[in-house]
Amino acid sequence: MELLIALSIGVMVSCGVYLILRPSTFPLVVGLTFLSYAVNVFLFSMGGLAMGEPAVIDTVNARAYTDPLPQALVLTAIVIAFGMTAFVIVLALRARDVLGNDHVDGQGVVSLTADKDNKNLDKTVIHGEAKE
């Protein structure tokens, strides 16, 4: 059971890091969510993986013990991560409406410079390419 949990944590961390390195906003949010899931599973597994055992120490069978503190921490982390994910998604949607794209690095922002009479426009940057 511990090997399966460790492998699933490794897969979630690797997927999360891969998605964080993508240049768009939505894969970045999904990657951060994967990383938070991996941390939650790691914290949950640190409490012990006794199946069907109560979270109360009995004087007779003290080896089969599941620590309730990591479970409480994971529940709190799930609620906080859900709220922050919702906030970041709304922020990303607003940024997409304002900028017209969802690039994380800021490329693709249209910038126009002109003189006082708006006759001589300089370069316009669209999706990282300079155009006259």
N, C-alpha and C. Protein backbone atom coordinates (compact mmCIF):
# COMPACT_ATOMS: atom_id res chain seq x y z
N MET A 1 0.82 -1.19 0.00
CA MET A 1 0.00 0.00 0.00
C MET A 1 0.87 1.26 0.00
N GLU A 2 1.97 1.24 0.77
CA GLU A 2 2.83 2.41 0.84
C GLU A 2 3.51 2.68 -0.50
N LEU A 3 3.86 1.62 -1.22
CA LEU A 3 4.50 1.80 -2.53
C LEU A 3 3.53 2.43 -3.53
N LEU A 4 2.28 2.00 -3.50
CA LEU A 4 1.28 2.58 -4.39
C LEU A 4 1.06 4.06 -4.08
N ILE A 5 1.00 4.41 -2.82
CA ILE A 5 0.83 5.81 -2.43
C ILE A 5 2.05 6.63 -2.86
N ALA A 6 3.25 6.09 -2.65
CA ALA A 6 4.47 6.81 -3.03
C ALA A 6 4.54 7.02 -4.54
N LEU A 7 4.16 6.01 -5.31
CA LEU A 7 4.16 6.15 -6.77
C LEU A 7 3.12 7.17 -7.24
N SER A 8 1.95 7.15 -6.62
CA SER A 8 0.93 8.13 -7.02
C SER A 8 1.35 9.55 -6.66
N ILE A 9 2.03 9.72 -5.53
CA ILE A 9 2.55 11.05 -5.18
C ILE A 9 3.59 11.49 -6.20
N GLY A 10 4.47 10.59 -6.60
CA GLY A 10 5.48 10.92 -7.60
C GLY A 10 4.88 11.29 -8.94
N VAL A 11 3.84 10.57 -9.36
CA VAL A 11 3.18 10.88 -10.64
C VAL A 11 2.49 12.23 -10.56
N MET A 12 1.82 12.52 -9.44
CA MET A 12 1.14 13.81 -9.31
C MET A 12 2.13 14.96 -9.27
N VAL A 13 3.26 14.78 -8.60
CA VAL A 13 4.27 15.85 -8.55
C VAL A 13 4.88 16.07 -9.94
N SER A 14 5.18 15.00 -10.65
CA SER A 14 5.77 15.16 -11.98
C SER A 14 4.78 15.81 -12.96
N CYS A 15 3.52 15.41 -12.90
CA CYS A 15 2.50 16.05 -13.75
C CYS A 15 2.33 17.52 -13.38
N GLY A 16 2.34 17.80 -12.08
CA GLY A 16 2.20 19.18 -11.62
C GLY A 16 3.34 20.07 -12.07
N VAL A 17 4.57 19.58 -11.96
CA VAL A 17 5.73 20.37 -12.39
C VAL A 17 5.70 20.57 -13.90
N TYR A 18 5.33 19.54 -14.65
CA TYR A 18 5.24 19.67 -16.11
C TYR A 18 4.21 20.74 -16.48
N LEU A 19 3.06 20.71 -15.83
CA LEU A 19 2.01 21.67 -16.18
C LEU A 19 2.35 23.08 -15.71
N ILE A 20 3.10 23.21 -14.63
CA ILE A 20 3.49 24.54 -14.17
C ILE A 20 4.44 25.20 -15.18
N LEU A 21 5.21 24.42 -15.89
CA LEU A 21 6.16 24.96 -16.86
C LEU A 21 5.52 25.32 -18.20
N ARG A 22 4.23 25.11 -18.36
CA ARG A 22 3.53 25.48 -19.59
C ARG A 22 3.32 26.99 -19.64
N PRO A 23 3.25 27.60 -20.83
CA PRO A 23 3.16 29.06 -20.91
C PRO A 23 1.75 29.62 -20.74
N SER A 24 0.74 28.79 -20.60
CA SER A 24 -0.62 29.30 -20.47
C SER A 24 -1.08 29.27 -19.01
N THR A 25 -2.13 30.01 -18.74
CA THR A 25 -2.59 30.16 -17.36
C THR A 25 -3.32 28.93 -16.86
N PHE A 26 -4.21 28.37 -17.66
CA PHE A 26 -5.02 27.25 -17.18
C PHE A 26 -4.18 26.01 -16.83
N PRO A 27 -3.21 25.59 -17.67
CA PRO A 27 -2.36 24.48 -17.24
C PRO A 27 -1.55 24.79 -15.98
N LEU A 28 -1.20 26.05 -15.78
CA LEU A 28 -0.51 26.43 -14.56
C LEU A 28 -1.38 26.20 -13.34
N VAL A 29 -2.65 26.56 -13.43
CA VAL A 29 -3.57 26.36 -12.31
C VAL A 29 -3.78 24.87 -12.06
N VAL A 30 -3.92 24.08 -13.12
CA VAL A 30 -4.09 22.63 -12.96
C VAL A 30 -2.84 22.01 -12.36
N GLY A 31 -1.66 22.48 -12.76
CA GLY A 31 -0.41 21.98 -12.19
C GLY A 31 -0.29 22.29 -10.71
N LEU A 32 -0.66 23.49 -10.31
CA LEU A 32 -0.65 23.83 -8.88
C LEU A 32 -1.65 22.98 -8.10
N THR A 33 -2.77 22.68 -8.73
CA THR A 33 -3.76 21.81 -8.07
C THR A 33 -3.21 20.40 -7.90
N PHE A 34 -2.52 19.88 -8.92
CA PHE A 34 -1.89 18.57 -8.79
C PHE A 34 -0.86 18.55 -7.67
N LEU A 35 -0.07 19.61 -7.57
CA LEU A 35 0.92 19.67 -6.49
C LEU A 35 0.25 19.72 -5.12
N SER A 36 -0.85 20.44 -5.01
CA SER A 36 -1.54 20.47 -3.71
C SER A 36 -2.15 19.11 -3.39
N TYR A 37 -2.66 18.40 -4.40
CA TYR A 37 -3.15 17.04 -4.16
C TYR A 37 -2.03 16.12 -3.69
N ALA A 38 -0.86 16.25 -4.31
CA ALA A 38 0.27 15.41 -3.91
C ALA A 38 0.69 15.68 -2.47
N VAL A 39 0.73 16.94 -2.09
CA VAL A 39 1.08 17.29 -0.71
C VAL A 39 0.02 16.77 0.26
N ASN A 40 -1.25 16.86 -0.12
CA ASN A 40 -2.32 16.36 0.75
C ASN A 40 -2.22 14.85 0.93
N VAL A 41 -1.96 14.12 -0.14
CA VAL A 41 -1.83 12.66 -0.02
C VAL A 41 -0.60 12.31 0.81
N PHE A 42 0.48 13.08 0.64
CA PHE A 42 1.68 12.85 1.44
C PHE A 42 1.39 13.07 2.92
N LEU A 43 0.73 14.18 3.25
CA LEU A 43 0.39 14.43 4.66
C LEU A 43 -0.55 13.37 5.21
N PHE A 44 -1.49 12.95 4.40
CA PHE A 44 -2.44 11.93 4.84
C PHE A 44 -1.74 10.60 5.09
N SER A 45 -0.78 10.25 4.24
CA SER A 45 -0.08 8.98 4.41
C SER A 45 0.89 9.01 5.59
N MET A 46 1.33 10.19 5.99
CA MET A 46 2.24 10.28 7.14
C MET A 46 1.54 9.95 8.45
N GLY A 47 0.22 10.00 8.47
CA GLY A 47 -0.52 9.66 9.68
C GLY A 47 -0.63 8.17 9.92
N GLY A 48 -0.25 7.38 8.97
CA GLY A 48 -0.36 5.93 9.08
C GLY A 48 -1.43 5.41 8.15
N LEU A 49 -1.21 4.24 7.60
CA LEU A 49 -2.14 3.66 6.64
C LEU A 49 -2.75 2.38 7.17
N ALA A 50 -3.21 2.39 8.39
CA ALA A 50 -3.87 1.22 8.96
C ALA A 50 -5.30 1.17 8.44
N MET A 51 -5.66 0.08 7.78
CA MET A 51 -6.99 -0.03 7.18
C MET A 51 -7.98 -0.58 8.19
N GLY A 52 -9.08 0.11 8.36
CA GLY A 52 -10.15 -0.35 9.23
C GLY A 52 -9.87 -0.22 10.71
N GLU A 53 -8.84 0.52 11.08
CA GLU A 53 -8.50 0.69 12.49
C GLU A 53 -8.98 2.05 12.96
N PRO A 54 -9.43 2.15 14.19
CA PRO A 54 -9.88 3.44 14.71
C PRO A 54 -8.70 4.36 14.99
N ALA A 55 -8.98 5.64 15.07
CA ALA A 55 -7.94 6.62 15.36
C ALA A 55 -7.81 6.86 16.85
N VAL A 56 -7.98 5.83 17.64
CA VAL A 56 -7.88 5.91 19.09
C VAL A 56 -6.86 4.87 19.53
N ILE A 57 -5.95 5.27 20.41
CA ILE A 57 -4.93 4.33 20.90
C ILE A 57 -5.56 3.43 21.95
N ASP A 58 -5.47 2.15 21.72
CA ASP A 58 -5.92 1.15 22.69
C ASP A 58 -4.68 0.62 23.39
N THR A 59 -4.80 0.35 24.65
CA THR A 59 -3.62 -0.13 25.39
C THR A 59 -3.22 -1.53 24.95
N VAL A 60 -4.15 -2.30 24.41
CA VAL A 60 -3.84 -3.65 23.98
C VAL A 60 -3.16 -3.65 22.61
N ASN A 61 -3.70 -2.89 21.66
CA ASN A 61 -3.19 -2.90 20.29
C ASN A 61 -2.73 -1.49 19.90
N ALA A 62 -1.58 -1.09 20.38
CA ALA A 62 -1.08 0.26 20.11
C ALA A 62 -0.37 0.37 18.76
N ARG A 63 -0.12 -0.72 18.08
CA ARG A 63 0.59 -0.67 16.79
C ARG A 63 -0.34 -0.25 15.66
N ALA A 64 -1.60 -0.66 15.71
CA ALA A 64 -2.56 -0.29 14.67
C ALA A 64 -3.21 1.03 15.07
N TYR A 65 -2.54 2.10 14.74
CA TYR A 65 -2.97 3.43 15.17
C TYR A 65 -2.92 4.37 13.97
N THR A 66 -3.99 5.08 13.75
CA THR A 66 -4.04 6.08 12.69
C THR A 66 -4.10 7.45 13.35
N ASP A 67 -3.13 8.28 13.06
CA ASP A 67 -3.06 9.60 13.67
C ASP A 67 -4.13 10.51 13.06
N PRO A 68 -5.00 11.12 13.86
CA PRO A 68 -6.05 11.97 13.31
C PRO A 68 -5.59 13.37 12.92
N LEU A 69 -4.43 13.81 13.38
CA LEU A 69 -3.97 15.17 13.08
C LEU A 69 -3.71 15.39 11.59
N PRO A 70 -3.02 14.50 10.87
CA PRO A 70 -2.86 14.73 9.43
C PRO A 70 -4.19 14.74 8.67
N GLN A 71 -5.16 13.98 9.14
CA GLN A 71 -6.47 13.99 8.49
C GLN A 71 -7.13 15.36 8.64
N ALA A 72 -7.02 15.95 9.82
CA ALA A 72 -7.57 17.29 10.03
C ALA A 72 -6.81 18.33 9.20
N LEU A 73 -5.50 18.19 9.12
CA LEU A 73 -4.71 19.12 8.30
C LEU A 73 -5.08 19.02 6.82
N VAL A 74 -5.30 17.80 6.35
CA VAL A 74 -5.65 17.61 4.94
C VAL A 74 -7.03 18.19 4.66
N LEU A 75 -7.98 18.01 5.56
CA LEU A 75 -9.31 18.61 5.36
C LEU A 75 -9.22 20.13 5.27
N THR A 76 -8.43 20.73 6.14
CA THR A 76 -8.26 22.17 6.10
C THR A 76 -7.56 22.60 4.82
N ALA A 77 -6.55 21.85 4.40
CA ALA A 77 -5.82 22.18 3.17
C ALA A 77 -6.70 22.06 1.94
N ILE A 78 -7.61 21.09 1.93
CA ILE A 78 -8.53 20.93 0.79
C ILE A 78 -9.43 22.15 0.66
N VAL A 79 -9.95 22.63 1.77
CA VAL A 79 -10.84 23.80 1.74
C VAL A 79 -10.08 25.04 1.29
N ILE A 80 -8.89 25.24 1.82
CA ILE A 80 -8.09 26.41 1.43
C ILE A 80 -7.68 26.33 -0.03
N ALA A 81 -7.28 25.15 -0.50
CA ALA A 81 -6.87 24.98 -1.89
C ALA A 81 -8.05 25.21 -2.84
N PHE A 82 -9.24 24.77 -2.45
CA PHE A 82 -10.41 25.00 -3.30
C PHE A 82 -10.71 26.49 -3.43
N GLY A 83 -10.65 27.20 -2.33
CA GLY A 83 -10.90 28.64 -2.37
C GLY A 83 -9.86 29.38 -3.19
N MET A 84 -8.60 29.03 -3.02
CA MET A 84 -7.54 29.70 -3.77
C MET A 84 -7.60 29.35 -5.26
N THR A 85 -7.96 28.11 -5.58
CA THR A 85 -8.09 27.73 -6.99
C THR A 85 -9.22 28.51 -7.65
N ALA A 86 -10.34 28.65 -6.96
CA ALA A 86 -11.45 29.43 -7.51
C ALA A 86 -11.04 30.89 -7.72
N PHE A 87 -10.31 31.46 -6.78
CA PHE A 87 -9.85 32.84 -6.91
C PHE A 87 -8.89 33.00 -8.08
N VAL A 88 -7.95 32.08 -8.24
CA VAL A 88 -6.97 32.18 -9.32
C VAL A 88 -7.64 31.99 -10.68
N ILE A 89 -8.64 31.12 -10.76
CA ILE A 89 -9.35 30.94 -12.03
C ILE A 89 -10.11 32.21 -12.41
N VAL A 90 -10.77 32.84 -11.45
CA VAL A 90 -11.47 34.10 -11.73
C VAL A 90 -10.47 35.18 -12.14
N LEU A 91 -9.34 35.24 -11.45
CA LEU A 91 -8.30 36.21 -11.80
C LEU A 91 -7.75 35.95 -13.20
N ALA A 92 -7.55 34.69 -13.56
CA ALA A 92 -7.05 34.36 -14.89
C ALA A 92 -8.07 34.69 -15.97
N LEU A 93 -9.35 34.45 -15.70
CA LEU A 93 -10.38 34.81 -16.68
C LEU A 93 -10.45 36.31 -16.88
N ARG A 94 -10.30 37.07 -15.81
CA ARG A 94 -10.31 38.53 -15.93
C ARG A 94 -9.09 39.01 -16.71
N ALA A 95 -7.93 38.42 -16.44
CA ALA A 95 -6.73 38.80 -17.18
C ALA A 95 -6.85 38.45 -18.65
N ARG A 96 -7.51 37.34 -18.95
CA ARG A 96 -7.72 36.97 -20.35
C ARG A 96 -8.65 37.96 -21.04
N ASP A 97 -9.67 38.43 -20.34
CA ASP A 97 -10.57 39.42 -20.92
C ASP A 97 -9.85 40.74 -21.18
N VAL A 98 -9.00 41.15 -20.26
CA VAL A 98 -8.33 42.43 -20.40
C VAL A 98 -7.22 42.36 -21.45
N LEU A 99 -6.39 41.31 -21.40
CA LEU A 99 -5.24 41.23 -22.28
C LEU A 99 -5.53 40.57 -23.62
N GLY A 100 -6.57 39.75 -23.69
CA GLY A 100 -6.90 39.07 -24.93
C GLY A 100 -6.19 37.74 -25.12
N ASN A 101 -5.39 37.32 -24.16
CA ASN A 101 -4.72 36.03 -24.24
C ASN A 101 -4.49 35.51 -22.83
N ASP A 102 -3.95 34.30 -22.74
CA ASP A 102 -3.72 33.72 -21.42
C ASP A 102 -2.25 33.34 -21.21
N HIS A 103 -1.35 34.10 -21.78
CA HIS A 103 0.07 33.83 -21.62
C HIS A 103 0.52 34.26 -20.23
N VAL A 104 1.33 33.42 -19.60
CA VAL A 104 1.80 33.71 -18.25
C VAL A 104 2.92 34.74 -18.28
N ASP A 105 3.76 34.71 -19.30
CA ASP A 105 4.95 35.55 -19.33
C ASP A 105 4.69 36.97 -19.80
N GLY A 106 3.46 37.32 -20.14
CA GLY A 106 3.14 38.68 -20.53
C GLY A 106 3.31 38.96 -22.00
N GLN A 107 3.73 37.98 -22.80
CA GLN A 107 3.84 38.21 -24.23
C GLN A 107 2.45 38.27 -24.83
N GLY A 108 2.36 38.93 -25.92
CA GLY A 108 1.08 39.03 -26.59
C GLY A 108 0.31 40.27 -26.21
N VAL A 109 0.87 41.09 -25.35
CA VAL A 109 0.22 42.33 -24.97
C VAL A 109 0.41 43.32 -26.11
N VAL A 110 -0.67 43.94 -26.53
CA VAL A 110 -0.61 44.89 -27.62
C VAL A 110 -0.19 46.24 -27.05
N SER A 111 0.87 46.81 -27.61
CA SER A 111 1.31 48.13 -27.15
C SER A 111 1.49 49.03 -28.37
N LEU A 112 0.84 50.16 -28.33
CA LEU A 112 0.94 51.14 -29.40
C LEU A 112 1.55 52.41 -28.84
N THR A 113 2.49 52.97 -29.56
CA THR A 113 3.04 54.27 -29.19
C THR A 113 2.84 55.20 -30.38
N ALA A 114 2.39 56.39 -30.11
CA ALA A 114 2.12 57.33 -31.19
C ALA A 114 2.57 58.72 -30.74
N ASP A 115 2.65 59.62 -31.72
CA ASP A 115 2.95 61.00 -31.38
C ASP A 115 1.66 61.71 -30.97
N LYS A 116 1.71 63.03 -30.83
CA LYS A 116 0.54 63.77 -30.34
C LYS A 116 -0.65 63.69 -31.30
N ASP A 117 -0.40 63.67 -32.58
CA ASP A 117 -1.49 63.69 -33.55
C ASP A 117 -1.98 62.30 -33.93
N ASN A 118 -1.43 61.24 -33.31
CA ASN A 118 -1.79 59.85 -33.61
C ASN A 118 -1.56 59.50 -35.08
N LYS A 119 -0.54 60.11 -35.69
CA LYS A 119 -0.26 59.82 -37.09
C LYS A 119 0.84 58.78 -37.24
N ASN A 120 1.87 58.86 -36.45
CA ASN A 120 3.01 57.96 -36.60
C ASN A 120 2.96 56.90 -35.51
N LEU A 121 2.45 55.75 -35.85
CA LEU A 121 2.40 54.64 -34.89
C LEU A 121 3.69 53.86 -34.97
N ASP A 122 4.24 53.54 -33.82
CA ASP A 122 5.44 52.70 -33.78
C ASP A 122 5.01 51.24 -33.82
N LYS A 123 5.89 50.35 -33.37
CA LYS A 123 5.65 48.92 -33.49
C LYS A 123 4.53 48.45 -32.58
N THR A 124 3.78 47.48 -33.08
CA THR A 124 2.75 46.82 -32.31
C THR A 124 3.22 45.41 -32.02
N VAL A 125 3.16 45.00 -30.78
CA VAL A 125 3.61 43.67 -30.40
C VAL A 125 2.38 42.79 -30.23
N ILE A 126 2.25 41.79 -31.09
CA ILE A 126 1.13 40.86 -31.01
C ILE A 126 1.72 39.46 -30.96
N HIS A 127 1.45 38.76 -29.88
CA HIS A 127 1.93 37.39 -29.66
C HIS A 127 3.44 37.28 -29.81
N GLY A 128 4.15 38.26 -29.30
CA GLY A 128 5.60 38.19 -29.24
C GLY A 128 6.31 38.57 -30.53
N GLU A 129 5.59 38.94 -31.59
CA GLU A 129 6.21 39.31 -32.85
C GLU A 129 6.05 40.81 -33.07
N ALA A 130 7.10 41.46 -33.47
CA ALA A 130 7.04 42.90 -33.73
C ALA A 130 6.57 43.12 -35.16
N LYS A 131 5.54 43.95 -35.32
CA LYS A 131 5.00 44.27 -36.64
C LYS A 131 4.96 45.77 -36.80
N GLU A 132 5.20 46.24 -38.01
CA GLU A 132 5.18 47.68 -38.30
C GLU A 132 3.76 48.13 -38.54
